[in-house]
Amino acid sequence: MTKSIQTKPINRSSTLLALALLVAGASQAMADSAPSMQEKMACRADAQTLCARFIGQPPEMRACLAQNKAKLPTPCREVVEAHGG
C-alpha cells in the first residue's frame, strides 16, 4: 500500500514574495559587508576630516559618514549609499 502525496501548485504571488525577500536579504548582506580597500580609499580623507573620532570603530564610522552624506564628494557618497547609508 503506497500513499500518494498531494501537492498544491505554487502560487505565483508566493513565488514573487519569496524572490523579493531573497533580493532584500542579498541587498542587506551587501550593505552589511565591509568596504573594499578601493572604497575605503574613496572615503579616507572625508573620514579623517568629518569623523576622525571614530577611526578604528567601523559601525560608528559608517554612521558618521551616513550622517554627513550631504557633505561627501560623489565617490565617497556612492560608497556610503552602497553600504546602506
PDB file of N, CA and C in Angstrom:
ATOM      1  N   MET A   1       0.832  -1.161   0.000  1.00  0.00           N
ATOM      2  CA  MET A   1       0.000   0.000   0.000  1.00  0.00           C
ATOM      3  C   MET A   1       0.889   1.241   0.000  1.00  0.00           C
ATOM      4  N   THR A   2       0.734   2.064  -0.978  1.00  0.00           N
ATOM      5  CA  THR A   2       1.514   3.295  -1.043  1.00  0.00           C
ATOM      6  C   THR A   2       0.588   4.486  -0.892  1.00  0.00           C
ATOM      7  N   LYS A   3       1.109   5.471  -0.218  1.00  0.00           N
ATOM      8  CA  LYS A   3       0.355   6.717  -0.051  1.00  0.00           C
ATOM      9  C   LYS A   3       0.751   7.673  -1.156  1.00  0.00           C
ATOM     10  N   SER A   4      -0.200   8.329  -1.695  1.00  0.00           N
ATOM     11  CA  SER A   4       0.136   9.356  -2.668  1.00  0.00           C
ATOM     12  C   SER A   4       0.165  10.702  -1.949  1.00  0.00           C
ATOM     13  N   ILE A   5       1.146  11.466  -2.287  1.00  0.00           N
ATOM     14  CA  ILE A   5       1.289  12.798  -1.688  1.00  0.00           C
ATOM     15  C   ILE A   5       0.681  13.799  -2.646  1.00  0.00           C
ATOM     16  N   GLN A   6      -0.249  14.549  -2.137  1.00  0.00           N
ATOM     17  CA  GLN A   6      -0.870  15.566  -2.965  1.00  0.00           C
ATOM     18  C   GLN A   6      -0.144  16.880  -2.745  1.00  0.00           C
ATOM     19  N   THR A   7       0.190  17.534  -3.815  1.00  0.00           N
ATOM     20  CA  THR A   7       0.858  18.827  -3.720  1.00  0.00           C
ATOM     21  C   THR A   7      -0.029  19.890  -4.341  1.00  0.00           C
ATOM     22  N   LYS A   8       0.098  21.067  -3.806  1.00  0.00           N
ATOM     23  CA  LYS A   8      -0.644  22.195  -4.347  1.00  0.00           C
ATOM     24  C   LYS A   8       0.254  22.914  -5.341  1.00  0.00           C
ATOM     25  N   PRO A   9      -0.322  23.459  -6.396  1.00  0.00           N
ATOM     26  CA  PRO A   9       0.509  24.247  -7.312  1.00  0.00           C
ATOM     27  C   PRO A   9       1.063  25.477  -6.586  1.00  0.00           C
ATOM     28  N   ILE A  10       2.243  25.866  -6.949  1.00  0.00           N
ATOM     29  CA  ILE A  10       2.874  27.031  -6.327  1.00  0.00           C
ATOM     30  C   ILE A  10       2.163  28.287  -6.800  1.00  0.00           C
ATOM     31  N   ASN A  11       1.764  29.082  -5.853  1.00  0.00           N
ATOM     32  CA  ASN A  11       1.074  30.333  -6.123  1.00  0.00           C
ATOM     33  C   ASN A  11       2.095  31.346  -6.646  1.00  0.00           C
ATOM     34  N   ARG A  12       1.777  32.015  -7.718  1.00  0.00           N
ATOM     35  CA  ARG A  12       2.698  32.984  -8.324  1.00  0.00           C
ATOM     36  C   ARG A  12       3.063  34.108  -7.347  1.00  0.00           C
ATOM     37  N   SER A  13       2.096  34.590  -6.575  1.00  0.00           N
ATOM     38  CA  SER A  13       2.383  35.679  -5.636  1.00  0.00           C
ATOM     39  C   SER A  13       3.322  35.191  -4.530  1.00  0.00           C
ATOM     40  N   SER A  14       3.197  33.932  -4.125  1.00  0.00           N
ATOM     41  CA  SER A  14       4.105  33.383  -3.122  1.00  0.00           C
ATOM     42  C   SER A  14       5.527  33.318  -3.669  1.00  0.00           C
ATOM     43  N   THR A  15       5.646  32.940  -4.921  1.00  0.00           N
ATOM     44  CA  THR A  15       6.957  32.873  -5.560  1.00  0.00           C
ATOM     45  C   THR A  15       7.576  34.268  -5.654  1.00  0.00           C
ATOM     46  N   LEU A  16       6.782  35.240  -6.055  1.00  0.00           N
ATOM     47  CA  LEU A  16       7.288  36.616  -6.162  1.00  0.00           C
ATOM     48  C   LEU A  16       7.684  37.163  -4.795  1.00  0.00           C
ATOM     49  N   LEU A  17       6.902  36.849  -3.767  1.00  0.00           N
ATOM     50  CA  LEU A  17       7.225  37.294  -2.421  1.00  0.00           C
ATOM     51  C   LEU A  17       8.550  36.676  -1.966  1.00  0.00           C
ATOM     52  N   ALA A  18       8.720  35.393  -2.218  1.00  0.00           N
ATOM     53  CA  ALA A  18       9.967  34.719  -1.831  1.00  0.00           C
ATOM     54  C   ALA A  18      11.157  35.335  -2.567  1.00  0.00           C
ATOM     55  N   LEU A  19      10.989  35.636  -3.841  1.00  0.00           N
ATOM     56  CA  LEU A  19      12.059  36.257  -4.620  1.00  0.00           C
ATOM     57  C   LEU A  19      12.382  37.653  -4.086  1.00  0.00           C
ATOM     58  N   ALA A  20      11.353  38.416  -3.745  1.00  0.00           N
ATOM     59  CA  ALA A  20      11.571  39.763  -3.200  1.00  0.00           C
ATOM     60  C   ALA A  20      12.325  39.699  -1.876  1.00  0.00           C
ATOM     61  N   LEU A  21      11.971  38.736  -1.029  1.00  0.00           N
ATOM     62  CA  LEU A  21      12.675  38.581   0.246  1.00  0.00           C
ATOM     63  C   LEU A  21      14.129  38.173   0.034  1.00  0.00           C
ATOM     64  N   LEU A  22      14.368  37.325  -0.951  1.00  0.00           N
ATOM     65  CA  LEU A  22      15.729  36.899  -1.257  1.00  0.00           C
ATOM     66  C   LEU A  22      16.571  38.088  -1.730  1.00  0.00           C
ATOM     67  N   VAL A  23      16.008  38.896  -2.608  1.00  0.00           N
ATOM     68  CA  VAL A  23      16.723  40.077  -3.107  1.00  0.00           C
ATOM     69  C   VAL A  23      16.970  41.069  -1.973  1.00  0.00           C
ATOM     70  N   ALA A  24      15.975  41.269  -1.121  1.00  0.00           N
ATOM     71  CA  ALA A  24      16.140  42.195   0.010  1.00  0.00           C
ATOM     72  C   ALA A  24      17.224  41.694   0.949  1.00  0.00           C
ATOM     73  N   GLY A  25      17.264  40.394   1.185  1.00  0.00           N
ATOM     74  CA  GLY A  25      18.300  39.821   2.038  1.00  0.00           C
ATOM     75  C   GLY A  25      19.671  39.987   1.436  1.00  0.00           C
ATOM     76  N   ALA A  26      19.786  39.791   0.127  1.00  0.00           N
ATOM     77  CA  ALA A  26      21.070  39.961  -0.544  1.00  0.00           C
ATOM     78  C   ALA A  26      21.508  41.424  -0.496  1.00  0.00           C
ATOM     79  N   SER A  27      20.558  42.335  -0.660  1.00  0.00           N
ATOM     80  CA  SER A  27      20.881  43.758  -0.582  1.00  0.00           C
ATOM     81  C   SER A  27      21.368  44.132   0.811  1.00  0.00           C
ATOM     82  N   GLN A  28      20.714  43.600   1.825  1.00  0.00           N
ATOM     83  CA  GLN A  28      21.119  43.874   3.202  1.00  0.00           C
ATOM     84  C   GLN A  28      22.496  43.286   3.481  1.00  0.00           C
ATOM     85  N   ALA A  29      22.766  42.099   2.934  1.00  0.00           N
ATOM     86  CA  ALA A  29      24.077  41.481   3.130  1.00  0.00           C
ATOM     87  C   ALA A  29      25.155  42.360   2.510  1.00  0.00           C
ATOM     88  N   MET A  30      24.866  42.932   1.353  1.00  0.00           N
ATOM     89  CA  MET A  30      25.830  43.839   0.717  1.00  0.00           C
ATOM     90  C   MET A  30      26.027  45.070   1.589  1.00  0.00           C
ATOM     91  N   ALA A  31      24.970  45.590   2.132  1.00  0.00           N
ATOM     92  CA  ALA A  31      25.064  46.767   2.978  1.00  0.00           C
ATOM     93  C   ALA A  31      25.868  46.485   4.235  1.00  0.00           C
ATOM     94  N   ASP A  32      25.756  45.276   4.761  1.00  0.00           N
ATOM     95  CA  ASP A  32      26.451  44.914   5.984  1.00  0.00           C
ATOM     96  C   ASP A  32      27.896  44.513   5.759  1.00  0.00           C
ATOM     97  N   SER A  33      28.295  44.262   4.524  1.00  0.00           N
ATOM     98  CA  SER A  33      29.651  43.802   4.267  1.00  0.00           C
ATOM     99  C   SER A  33      30.651  44.944   4.441  1.00  0.00           C
ATOM    100  N   ALA A  34      31.865  44.565   4.743  1.00  0.00           N
ATOM    101  CA  ALA A  34      32.930  45.557   4.943  1.00  0.00           C
ATOM    102  C   ALA A  34      33.302  46.179   3.600  1.00  0.00           C
ATOM    103  N   PRO A  35      33.656  47.447   3.603  1.00  0.00           N
ATOM    104  CA  PRO A  35      34.055  48.095   2.350  1.00  0.00           C
ATOM    105  C   PRO A  35      35.389  47.551   1.857  1.00  0.00           C
ATOM    106  N   SER A  36      35.557  47.546   0.540  1.00  0.00           N
ATOM    107  CA  SER A  36      36.816  47.103  -0.059  1.00  0.00           C
ATOM    108  C   SER A  36      37.884  48.178   0.175  1.00  0.00           C
ATOM    109  N   MET A  37      39.123  47.840  -0.115  1.00  0.00           N
ATOM    110  CA  MET A  37      40.213  48.814   0.034  1.00  0.00           C
ATOM    111  C   MET A  37      39.976  50.023  -0.871  1.00  0.00           C
ATOM    112  N   GLN A  38      39.488  49.784  -2.086  1.00  0.00           N
ATOM    113  CA  GLN A  38      39.203  50.885  -3.010  1.00  0.00           C
ATOM    114  C   GLN A  38      38.112  51.794  -2.431  1.00  0.00           C
ATOM    115  N   GLU A  39      37.097  51.206  -1.830  1.00  0.00           N
ATOM    116  CA  GLU A  39      36.034  52.008  -1.229  1.00  0.00           C
ATOM    117  C   GLU A  39      36.559  52.795  -0.029  1.00  0.00           C
ATOM    118  N   LYS A  40      37.404  52.163   0.767  1.00  0.00           N
ATOM    119  CA  LYS A  40      37.993  52.869   1.910  1.00  0.00           C
ATOM    120  C   LYS A  40      38.809  54.068   1.443  1.00  0.00           C
ATOM    121  N   MET A  41      39.555  53.877   0.363  1.00  0.00           N
ATOM    122  CA  MET A  41      40.378  54.976  -0.150  1.00  0.00           C
ATOM    123  C   MET A  41      39.509  56.117  -0.686  1.00  0.00           C
ATOM    124  N   ALA A  42      38.331  55.787  -1.222  1.00  0.00           N
ATOM    125  CA  ALA A  42      37.429  56.825  -1.735  1.00  0.00           C
ATOM    126  C   ALA A  42      36.938  57.728  -0.614  1.00  0.00           C
ATOM    127  N   CYS A  43      36.885  57.203   0.609  1.00  0.00           N
ATOM    128  CA  CYS A  43      36.362  57.962   1.746  1.00  0.00           C
ATOM    129  C   CYS A  43      37.423  58.326   2.783  1.00  0.00           C
ATOM    130  N   ARG A  44      38.663  57.988   2.526  1.00  0.00           N
ATOM    131  CA  ARG A  44      39.699  58.172   3.550  1.00  0.00           C
ATOM    132  C   ARG A  44      39.804  59.614   4.043  1.00  0.00           C
ATOM    133  N   ALA A  45      39.963  60.551   3.122  1.00  0.00           N
ATOM    134  CA  ALA A  45      40.133  61.955   3.521  1.00  0.00           C
ATOM    135  C   ALA A  45      38.877  62.474   4.228  1.00  0.00           C
ATOM    136  N   ASP A  46      37.724  62.098   3.737  1.00  0.00           N
ATOM    137  CA  ASP A  46      36.467  62.552   4.349  1.00  0.00           C
ATOM    138  C   ASP A  46      36.298  61.959   5.743  1.00  0.00           C
ATOM    139  N   ALA A  47      36.671  60.697   5.893  1.00  0.00           N
ATOM    140  CA  ALA A  47      36.585  60.060   7.209  1.00  0.00           C
ATOM    141  C   ALA A  47      37.501  60.771   8.199  1.00  0.00           C
ATOM    142  N   GLN A  48      38.702  61.122   7.754  1.00  0.00           N
ATOM    143  CA  GLN A  48      39.639  61.809   8.643  1.00  0.00           C
ATOM    144  C   GLN A  48      39.163  63.215   8.984  1.00  0.00           C
ATOM    145  N   THR A  49      38.539  63.884   8.028  1.00  0.00           N
ATOM    146  CA  THR A  49      38.079  65.252   8.249  1.00  0.00           C
ATOM    147  C   THR A  49      36.800  65.320   9.079  1.00  0.00           C
ATOM    148  N   LEU A  50      35.819  64.494   8.725  1.00  0.00           N
ATOM    149  CA  LEU A  50      34.493  64.597   9.333  1.00  0.00           C
ATOM    150  C   LEU A  50      34.271  63.668  10.529  1.00  0.00           C
ATOM    151  N   CYS A  51      35.003  62.549  10.554  1.00  0.00           N
ATOM    152  CA  CYS A  51      34.678  61.502  11.535  1.00  0.00           C
ATOM    153  C   CYS A  51      35.923  60.939  12.223  1.00  0.00           C
ATOM    154  N   ALA A  52      36.931  61.753  12.407  1.00  0.00           N
ATOM    155  CA  ALA A  52      38.214  61.275  12.946  1.00  0.00           C
ATOM    156  C   ALA A  52      38.057  60.554  14.285  1.00  0.00           C
ATOM    157  N   ARG A  53      37.134  60.984  15.112  1.00  0.00           N
ATOM    158  CA  ARG A  53      36.995  60.364  16.440  1.00  0.00           C
ATOM    159  C   ARG A  53      36.497  58.925  16.368  1.00  0.00           C
ATOM    160  N   PHE A  54      36.042  58.484  15.178  1.00  0.00           N
ATOM    161  CA  PHE A  54      35.527  57.126  15.023  1.00  0.00           C
ATOM    162  C   PHE A  54      36.483  56.204  14.264  1.00  0.00           C
ATOM    163  N   ILE A  55      37.714  56.640  14.013  1.00  0.00           N
ATOM    164  CA  ILE A  55      38.688  55.787  13.341  1.00  0.00           C
ATOM    165  C   ILE A  55      38.930  54.563  14.217  1.00  0.00           C
ATOM    166  N   GLY A  56      38.870  53.391  13.588  1.00  0.00           N
ATOM    167  CA  GLY A  56      39.030  52.135  14.320  1.00  0.00           C
ATOM    168  C   GLY A  56      37.734  51.592  14.891  1.00  0.00           C
ATOM    169  N   GLN A  57      36.630  52.284  14.624  1.00  0.00           N
ATOM    170  CA  GLN A  57      35.307  51.862  15.094  1.00  0.00           C
ATOM    171  C   GLN A  57      34.369  51.814  13.885  1.00  0.00           C
ATOM    172  N   PRO A  58      34.434  50.724  13.092  1.00  0.00           N
ATOM    173  CA  PRO A  58      33.681  50.676  11.822  1.00  0.00           C
ATOM    174  C   PRO A  58      32.195  51.014  11.916  1.00  0.00           C
ATOM    175  N   PRO A  59      31.423  50.478  12.874  1.00  0.00           N
ATOM    176  CA  PRO A  59      29.990  50.834  12.878  1.00  0.00           C
ATOM    177  C   PRO A  59      29.760  52.331  13.106  1.00  0.00           C
ATOM    178  N   GLU A  60      30.524  52.901  14.015  1.00  0.00           N
ATOM    179  CA  GLU A  60      30.381  54.334  14.300  1.00  0.00           C
ATOM    180  C   GLU A  60      30.856  55.181  13.121  1.00  0.00           C
ATOM    181  N   MET A  61      31.920  54.725  12.434  1.00  0.00           N
ATOM    182  CA  MET A  61      32.421  55.441  11.256  1.00  0.00           C
ATOM    183  C   MET A  61      31.362  55.437  10.162  1.00  0.00           C
ATOM    184  N   ARG A  62      30.742  54.275   9.915  1.00  0.00           N
ATOM    185  CA  ARG A  62      29.690  54.207   8.890  1.00  0.00           C
ATOM    186  C   ARG A  62      28.539  55.148   9.240  1.00  0.00           C
ATOM    187  N   ALA A  63      28.143  55.170  10.504  1.00  0.00           N
ATOM    188  CA  ALA A  63      27.047  56.042  10.929  1.00  0.00           C
ATOM    189  C   ALA A  63      27.424  57.512  10.749  1.00  0.00           C
ATOM    190  N   CYS A  64      28.640  57.854  11.104  1.00  0.00           N
ATOM    191  CA  CYS A  64      29.105  59.244  10.974  1.00  0.00           C
ATOM    192  C   CYS A  64      29.124  59.673   9.507  1.00  0.00           C
ATOM    193  N   LEU A  65      29.662  58.812   8.637  1.00  0.00           N
ATOM    194  CA  LEU A  65      29.696  59.153   7.209  1.00  0.00           C
ATOM    195  C   LEU A  65      28.283  59.274   6.642  1.00  0.00           C
ATOM    196  N   ALA A  66      27.387  58.390   7.087  1.00  0.00           N
ATOM    197  CA  ALA A  66      25.994  58.462   6.625  1.00  0.00           C
ATOM    198  C   ALA A  66      25.339  59.770   7.069  1.00  0.00           C
ATOM    199  N   GLN A  67      25.632  60.196   8.306  1.00  0.00           N
ATOM    200  CA  GLN A  67      25.058  61.445   8.818  1.00  0.00           C
ATOM    201  C   GLN A  67      25.614  62.659   8.076  1.00  0.00           C
ATOM    202  N   ASN A  68      26.812  62.523   7.535  1.00  0.00           N
ATOM    203  CA  ASN A  68      27.452  63.628   6.813  1.00  0.00           C
ATOM    204  C   ASN A  68      27.403  63.429   5.303  1.00  0.00           C
ATOM    205  N   LYS A  69      26.518  62.580   4.839  1.00  0.00           N
ATOM    206  CA  LYS A  69      26.473  62.219   3.421  1.00  0.00           C
ATOM    207  C   LYS A  69      26.360  63.436   2.510  1.00  0.00           C
ATOM    208  N   ALA A  70      25.617  64.438   2.905  1.00  0.00           N
ATOM    209  CA  ALA A  70      25.434  65.628   2.065  1.00  0.00           C
ATOM    210  C   ALA A  70      26.745  66.381   1.854  1.00  0.00           C
ATOM    211  N   LYS A  71      27.693  66.218   2.758  1.00  0.00           N
ATOM    212  CA  LYS A  71      28.983  66.903   2.660  1.00  0.00           C
ATOM    213  C   LYS A  71      30.020  66.113   1.873  1.00  0.00           C
ATOM    214  N   LEU A  72      29.705  64.860   1.535  1.00  0.00           N
ATOM    215  CA  LEU A  72      30.681  63.979   0.897  1.00  0.00           C
ATOM    216  C   LEU A  72      30.739  64.189  -0.605  1.00  0.00           C
ATOM    217  N   PRO A  73      31.930  64.057  -1.189  1.00  0.00           N
ATOM    218  CA  PRO A  73      32.021  64.083  -2.646  1.00  0.00           C
ATOM    219  C   PRO A  73      31.367  62.812  -3.215  1.00  0.00           C
ATOM    220  N   THR A  74      31.034  62.864  -4.483  1.00  0.00           N
ATOM    221  CA  THR A  74      30.292  61.777  -5.117  1.00  0.00           C
ATOM    222  C   THR A  74      30.905  60.392  -4.900  1.00  0.00           C
ATOM    223  N   PRO A  75      32.212  60.171  -5.104  1.00  0.00           N
ATOM    224  CA  PRO A  75      32.732  58.804  -4.933  1.00  0.00           C
ATOM    225  C   PRO A  75      32.492  58.240  -3.527  1.00  0.00           C
ATOM    226  N   CYS A  76      32.718  59.021  -2.514  1.00  0.00           N
ATOM    227  CA  CYS A  76      32.507  58.560  -1.149  1.00  0.00           C
ATOM    228  C   CYS A  76      31.023  58.406  -0.849  1.00  0.00           C
ATOM    229  N   ARG A  77      30.215  59.322  -1.320  1.00  0.00           N
ATOM    230  CA  ARG A  77      28.769  59.232  -1.096  1.00  0.00           C
ATOM    231  C   ARG A  77      28.219  57.939  -1.718  1.00  0.00           C
ATOM    232  N   GLU A  78      28.715  57.558  -2.889  1.00  0.00           N
ATOM    233  CA  GLU A  78      28.266  56.319  -3.530  1.00  0.00           C
ATOM    234  C   GLU A  78      28.651  55.093  -2.701  1.00  0.00           C
ATOM    235  N   VAL A  79      29.836  55.131  -2.091  1.00  0.00           N
ATOM    236  CA  VAL A  79      30.264  54.031  -1.219  1.00  0.00           C
ATOM    237  C   VAL A  79      29.336  53.946  -0.007  1.00  0.00           C
ATOM    238  N   VAL A  80      29.076  55.077   0.615  1.00  0.00           N
ATOM    239  CA  VAL A  80      28.203  55.101   1.791  1.00  0.00           C
ATOM    240  C   VAL A  80      26.824  54.566   1.440  1.00  0.00           C
ATOM    241  N   GLU A  81      26.273  54.997   0.313  1.00  0.00           N
ATOM    242  CA  GLU A  81      24.956  54.534  -0.118  1.00  0.00           C
ATOM    243  C   GLU A  81      24.957  53.044  -0.435  1.00  0.00           C
ATOM    244  N   ALA A  82      26.035  52.550  -1.030  1.00  0.00           N
ATOM    245  CA  ALA A  82      26.131  51.126  -1.379  1.00  0.00           C
ATOM    246  C   ALA A  82      26.165  50.246  -0.122  1.00  0.00           C
ATOM    247  N   HIS A  83      26.570  50.831   0.988  1.00  0.00           N
ATOM    248  CA  HIS A  83      26.662  50.074   2.228  1.00  0.00           C
ATOM    249  C   HIS A  83      25.538  50.448   3.200  1.00  0.00           C
ATOM    250  N   GLY A  84      24.441  50.932   2.651  1.00  0.00           N
ATOM    251  CA  GLY A  84      23.245  51.153   3.460  1.00  0.00           C
ATOM    252  C   GLY A  84      23.125  52.500   4.114  1.00  0.00           C
ATOM    253  N   GLY A  85      24.002  53.430   3.792  1.00  0.00           N
ATOM    254  CA  GLY A  85      23.957  54.738   4.441  1.00  0.00           C
ATOM    255  C   GLY A  85      23.209  55.774   3.680  1.00  0.00           C
TER     256      GLY A  85
END
